[in-house]
Structures are given as C-alpha cells and as structure tokens.
Amino acid sequence: MSYATQSDLINQFGEAEVVAISDRYLTGVADTIVVEGGLQRASDMIDSYLAARYTLPLPIVPQMLVDVCCDIARYKLLGADATETDAARNRYKDALRTLEQVRDGKLDIGLSVAGQAAPQSASIQVASNARVFDANSLSGY
C-alpha cells in the first residue's frame, strides 16, 4: 500500500517538478511507473518505521504520512535534471526525523497503537451514593 499518489505528489510540488524527477525518456510528461515506484519505495520505508508501533496496513492514512511519503519519494527520484536538491534533501531529512519521532512514540499520528483511529474526545463518568445530609436534615444546625 502506498501512502501517497501521483496526484498528492503533484499537489505538493507541482506538475513541472514531478515531470523533472520522473521523465526518464524526455517525453515531457510524468512517467507514472517511475512515480509509483518512488512512492512505493517511500511507503516501504515508512512502514519500516511504523511497524514498531502500529498494526499494518493502517486503516486510514493521516495527512502527515502523505506529506512524509511525498518528501521521501521526491528525494529518492531526484536525478541530474532536478532542481532544488538542497531543499529536497532537507525535507527528506525532516521526514526521517518525523518518522523516528513517530516510531519512538514522541509524535502522535492520530491512531491508536493497534491501528484504530484514536478517540476524538474522552468523557468522565462519575457515580455517587445518595446524599446523606440535605438541607432538611441539617436545618437544626
């Protein structure tokens, strides 16, 4: 299972960037097979971090993991014609740090450890016995 799609990659970095990192045969369009391969390699890397804490595959994909997947895939797909390699490298390193924090339990992705969605709110219920003293029983004091 891939955590991101080609559309996610385009939304994050733009069509021109996706073409630049995937068009190996200079056709002027993004190579879907290359992009999917990069996204799958990135997803496999994410799984290697998440497997320590979560049951895989995840039932839902938090947006944070989509962003991390795109950052990793972009960096892995960079070639000689790509631009902004320093920015891509920095985003890649940030993505790895994010995954380390998730793995170590320092960053919450909104899922329980079992992989279920975490509850959005918690409530407290209190039960008590009947009142021993009330206004009538204390009126003489």
C-alpha atoms as a PDB file:
ATOM      1  CA  MET A   1       0.000   0.000   0.000  1.00  0.00           C
ATOM      2  CA  SER A   2       1.337   3.398  -0.954  1.00  0.00           C
ATOM      3  CA  TYR A   3       0.787   6.298   1.437  1.00  0.00           C
ATOM      4  CA  ALA A   4       0.571   8.837  -1.395  1.00  0.00           C
ATOM      5  CA  THR A   5      -0.456   9.054  -5.031  1.00  0.00           C
ATOM      6  CA  GLN A   6       0.938  10.823  -8.064  1.00  0.00           C
ATOM      7  CA  SER A   7      -1.778  13.456  -7.559  1.00  0.00           C
ATOM      8  CA  ASP A   8      -0.541  14.034  -3.999  1.00  0.00           C
ATOM      9  CA  LEU A   9       2.994  14.493  -5.321  1.00  0.00           C
ATOM     10  CA  ILE A  10       1.782  16.963  -7.953  1.00  0.00           C
ATOM     11  CA  ASN A  11      -0.285  18.866  -5.383  1.00  0.00           C
ATOM     12  CA  GLN A  12       2.731  19.177  -3.120  1.00  0.00           C
ATOM     13  CA  PHE A  13       5.466  20.003  -5.659  1.00  0.00           C
ATOM     14  CA  GLY A  14       3.759  20.909  -8.923  1.00  0.00           C
ATOM     15  CA  GLU A  15       3.494  19.194 -12.284  1.00  0.00           C
ATOM     16  CA  ALA A  16       6.819  20.527 -13.587  1.00  0.00           C
ATOM     17  CA  GLU A  17       8.743  19.093 -10.630  1.00  0.00           C
ATOM     18  CA  VAL A  18       7.074  15.685 -10.953  1.00  0.00           C
ATOM     19  CA  VAL A  19       7.916  15.613 -14.664  1.00  0.00           C
ATOM     20  CA  ALA A  20      11.512  16.628 -13.904  1.00  0.00           C
ATOM     21  CA  ILE A  21      12.027  13.818 -11.393  1.00  0.00           C
ATOM     22  CA  SER A  22      10.248  11.057 -13.323  1.00  0.00           C
ATOM     23  CA  ASP A  23      10.561  11.668 -17.082  1.00  0.00           C
ATOM     24  CA  ARG A  24      13.485   9.342 -17.810  1.00  0.00           C
ATOM     25  CA  TYR A  25      12.829   9.240 -21.589  1.00  0.00           C
ATOM     26  CA  LEU A  26      12.315  13.005 -22.064  1.00  0.00           C
ATOM     27  CA  THR A  27       8.720  12.708 -23.247  1.00  0.00           C
ATOM     28  CA  GLY A  28       7.627  15.861 -21.434  1.00  0.00           C
ATOM     29  CA  VAL A  29       5.157  14.067 -19.165  1.00  0.00           C
ATOM     30  CA  ALA A  30       5.474  12.399 -15.805  1.00  0.00           C
ATOM     31  CA  ASP A  31       6.244   8.689 -16.032  1.00  0.00           C
ATOM     32  CA  THR A  32       3.549   7.044 -13.911  1.00  0.00           C
ATOM     33  CA  ILE A  33       5.553   3.843 -13.433  1.00  0.00           C
ATOM     34  CA  VAL A  34       8.590   5.757 -12.160  1.00  0.00           C
ATOM     35  CA  VAL A  35       6.437   7.884  -9.837  1.00  0.00           C
ATOM     36  CA  GLU A  36       4.565   4.876  -8.451  1.00  0.00           C
ATOM     37  CA  GLY A  37       7.853   3.065  -7.887  1.00  0.00           C
ATOM     38  CA  GLY A  38       9.244   6.034  -5.959  1.00  0.00           C
ATOM     39  CA  LEU A  39       6.081   6.343  -3.887  1.00  0.00           C
ATOM     40  CA  GLN A  40       6.125   2.622  -3.124  1.00  0.00           C
ATOM     41  CA  ARG A  41       9.784   2.734  -2.021  1.00  0.00           C
ATOM     42  CA  ALA A  42       8.941   5.698   0.211  1.00  0.00           C
ATOM     43  CA  SER A  43       5.923   3.836   1.612  1.00  0.00           C
ATOM     44  CA  ASP A  44       8.052   0.772   2.341  1.00  0.00           C
ATOM     45  CA  MET A  45      10.460   2.994   4.247  1.00  0.00           C
ATOM     46  CA  ILE A  46       7.573   4.498   6.231  1.00  0.00           C
ATOM     47  CA  ASP A  47       6.290   1.007   7.033  1.00  0.00           C
ATOM     48  CA  SER A  48       9.698   0.056   8.428  1.00  0.00           C
ATOM     49  CA  TYR A  49       9.321   2.836  10.998  1.00  0.00           C
ATOM     50  CA  LEU A  50       5.617   2.344  11.730  1.00  0.00           C
ATOM     51  CA  ALA A  51       5.811  -1.441  12.151  1.00  0.00           C
ATOM     52  CA  ALA A  52       7.434  -0.953  15.561  1.00  0.00           C
ATOM     53  CA  ARG A  53       4.261   0.730  16.919  1.00  0.00           C
ATOM     54  CA  TYR A  54       1.302   0.086  14.643  1.00  0.00           C
ATOM     55  CA  THR A  55      -0.522  -2.800  13.042  1.00  0.00           C
ATOM     56  CA  LEU A  56      -0.022  -2.537   9.291  1.00  0.00           C
ATOM     57  CA  PRO A  57      -1.592  -1.742   6.933  1.00  0.00           C
ATOM     58  CA  LEU A  58      -3.082   1.296   8.610  1.00  0.00           C
ATOM     59  CA  PRO A  59      -6.874   1.564   8.307  1.00  0.00           C
ATOM     60  CA  ILE A  60      -6.581   5.249   7.383  1.00  0.00           C
ATOM     61  CA  VAL A  61      -3.653   7.321   6.180  1.00  0.00           C
ATOM     62  CA  PRO A  62      -3.108  10.521   8.155  1.00  0.00           C
ATOM     63  CA  GLN A  63      -2.249  13.550   6.005  1.00  0.00           C
ATOM     64  CA  MET A  64       1.081  13.834   7.795  1.00  0.00           C
ATOM     65  CA  LEU A  65       2.126  10.459   6.335  1.00  0.00           C
ATOM     66  CA  VAL A  66       1.038  11.538   2.846  1.00  0.00           C
ATOM     67  CA  ASP A  67       3.332  14.566   3.156  1.00  0.00           C
ATOM     68  CA  VAL A  68       6.205  12.463   4.510  1.00  0.00           C
ATOM     69  CA  CYS A  69       5.765   9.959   1.680  1.00  0.00           C
ATOM     70  CA  CYS A  70       5.883  12.721  -0.926  1.00  0.00           C
ATOM     71  CA  ASP A  71       9.035  14.238   0.593  1.00  0.00           C
ATOM     72  CA  ILE A  72      10.824  10.878   0.657  1.00  0.00           C
ATOM     73  CA  ALA A  73       9.703   9.894  -2.851  1.00  0.00           C
ATOM     74  CA  ARG A  74      10.758  13.236  -4.301  1.00  0.00           C
ATOM     75  CA  TYR A  75      14.219  12.909  -2.826  1.00  0.00           C
ATOM     76  CA  LYS A  76      14.579   9.296  -3.961  1.00  0.00           C
ATOM     77  CA  LEU A  77      13.517  10.185  -7.512  1.00  0.00           C
ATOM     78  CA  LEU A  78      15.847  13.160  -7.945  1.00  0.00           C
ATOM     79  CA  GLY A  79      18.063  12.935 -10.990  1.00  0.00           C
ATOM     80  CA  ALA A  80      20.606  15.147 -12.690  1.00  0.00           C
ATOM     81  CA  ASP A  81      17.934  17.402 -14.242  1.00  0.00           C
ATOM     82  CA  ALA A  82      16.060  18.067 -10.994  1.00  0.00           C
ATOM     83  CA  THR A  83      16.252  21.401  -9.245  1.00  0.00           C
ATOM     84  CA  GLU A  84      16.326  22.359  -5.570  1.00  0.00           C
ATOM     85  CA  THR A  85      18.296  19.332  -4.453  1.00  0.00           C
ATOM     86  CA  ASP A  86      19.268  21.020  -1.168  1.00  0.00           C
ATOM     87  CA  ALA A  87      15.649  21.790  -0.344  1.00  0.00           C
ATOM     88  CA  ALA A  88      14.636  18.232  -1.252  1.00  0.00           C
ATOM     89  CA  ARG A  89      17.433  16.824   0.894  1.00  0.00           C
ATOM     90  CA  ASN A  90      16.371  18.952   3.858  1.00  0.00           C
ATOM     91  CA  ARG A  91      12.743  17.863   3.501  1.00  0.00           C
ATOM     92  CA  TYR A  92      13.910  14.230   3.262  1.00  0.00           C
ATOM     93  CA  LYS A  93      15.927  14.554   6.472  1.00  0.00           C
ATOM     94  CA  ASP A  94      12.966  16.222   8.195  1.00  0.00           C
ATOM     95  CA  ALA A  95      10.717  13.381   7.035  1.00  0.00           C
ATOM     96  CA  LEU A  96      13.094  10.805   8.520  1.00  0.00           C
ATOM     97  CA  ARG A  97      13.197  12.712  11.818  1.00  0.00           C
ATOM     98  CA  THR A  98       9.398  12.771  11.829  1.00  0.00           C
ATOM     99  CA  LEU A  99       9.283   9.004  11.306  1.00  0.00           C
ATOM    100  CA  GLU A 100      11.798   8.485  14.110  1.00  0.00           C
ATOM    101  CA  GLN A 101       9.604  10.534  16.443  1.00  0.00           C
ATOM    102  CA  VAL A 102       6.533   8.512  15.457  1.00  0.00           C
ATOM    103  CA  ARG A 103       8.440   5.258  15.954  1.00  0.00           C
ATOM    104  CA  ASP A 104       9.659   6.380  19.385  1.00  0.00           C
ATOM    105  CA  GLY A 105       6.187   7.493  20.485  1.00  0.00           C
ATOM    106  CA  LYS A 106       7.152  11.178  20.677  1.00  0.00           C
ATOM    107  CA  LEU A 107       4.816  12.234  17.856  1.00  0.00           C
ATOM    108  CA  ASP A 108       1.194  11.153  17.580  1.00  0.00           C
ATOM    109  CA  ILE A 109      -0.243  10.421  14.135  1.00  0.00           C
ATOM    110  CA  GLY A 110      -3.811  10.216  15.428  1.00  0.00           C
ATOM    111  CA  LEU A 111      -4.079   6.428  15.518  1.00  0.00           C
ATOM    112  CA  SER A 112      -4.020   4.079  18.451  1.00  0.00           C
ATOM    113  CA  VAL A 113      -1.142   1.632  18.705  1.00  0.00           C
ATOM    114  CA  ALA A 114      -3.438  -1.124  17.417  1.00  0.00           C
ATOM    115  CA  GLY A 115      -4.001   0.944  14.281  1.00  0.00           C
ATOM    116  CA  GLN A 116      -7.527   2.096  15.079  1.00  0.00           C
ATOM    117  CA  ALA A 117      -8.465   5.739  14.941  1.00  0.00           C
ATOM    118  CA  ALA A 118      -7.789   7.421  18.262  1.00  0.00           C
ATOM    119  CA  PRO A 119     -10.850   8.693  20.095  1.00  0.00           C
ATOM    120  CA  GLN A 120     -11.511  12.360  19.426  1.00  0.00           C
ATOM    121  CA  SER A 121     -12.754  13.151  22.903  1.00  0.00           C
ATOM    122  CA  ALA A 122     -12.867  11.428  26.218  1.00  0.00           C
ATOM    123  CA  SER A 123     -15.573  11.720  28.816  1.00  0.00           C
ATOM    124  CA  ILE A 124     -15.524  11.058  32.512  1.00  0.00           C
ATOM    125  CA  GLN A 125     -18.438   9.461  34.261  1.00  0.00           C
ATOM    126  CA  VAL A 126     -18.950   9.797  37.993  1.00  0.00           C
ATOM    127  CA  ALA A 127     -21.302   7.733  40.117  1.00  0.00           C
ATOM    128  CA  SER A 128     -22.088   8.552  43.707  1.00  0.00           C
ATOM    129  CA  ASN A 129     -24.330   7.368  46.510  1.00  0.00           C
ATOM    130  CA  ALA A 130     -27.472   9.192  47.588  1.00  0.00           C
ATOM    131  CA  ARG A 131     -26.931  12.270  49.753  1.00  0.00           C
ATOM    132  CA  VAL A 132     -26.596  11.542  53.450  1.00  0.00           C
ATOM    133  CA  PHE A 133     -27.196  15.127  54.517  1.00  0.00           C
ATOM    134  CA  ASP A 134     -29.505  17.550  52.796  1.00  0.00           C
ATOM    135  CA  ALA A 135     -30.968  20.961  53.623  1.00  0.00           C
ATOM    136  CA  ASN A 136     -33.811  19.434  55.683  1.00  0.00           C
ATOM    137  CA  SER A 137     -31.620  17.168  57.817  1.00  0.00           C
ATOM    138  CA  LEU A 138     -29.138  19.999  58.517  1.00  0.00           C
ATOM    139  CA  SER A 139     -31.722  22.695  59.267  1.00  0.00           C
ATOM    140  CA  GLY A 140     -31.233  22.424  63.030  1.00  0.00           C
ATOM    141  CA  TYR A 141     -27.506  23.010  62.949  1.00  0.00           C
END
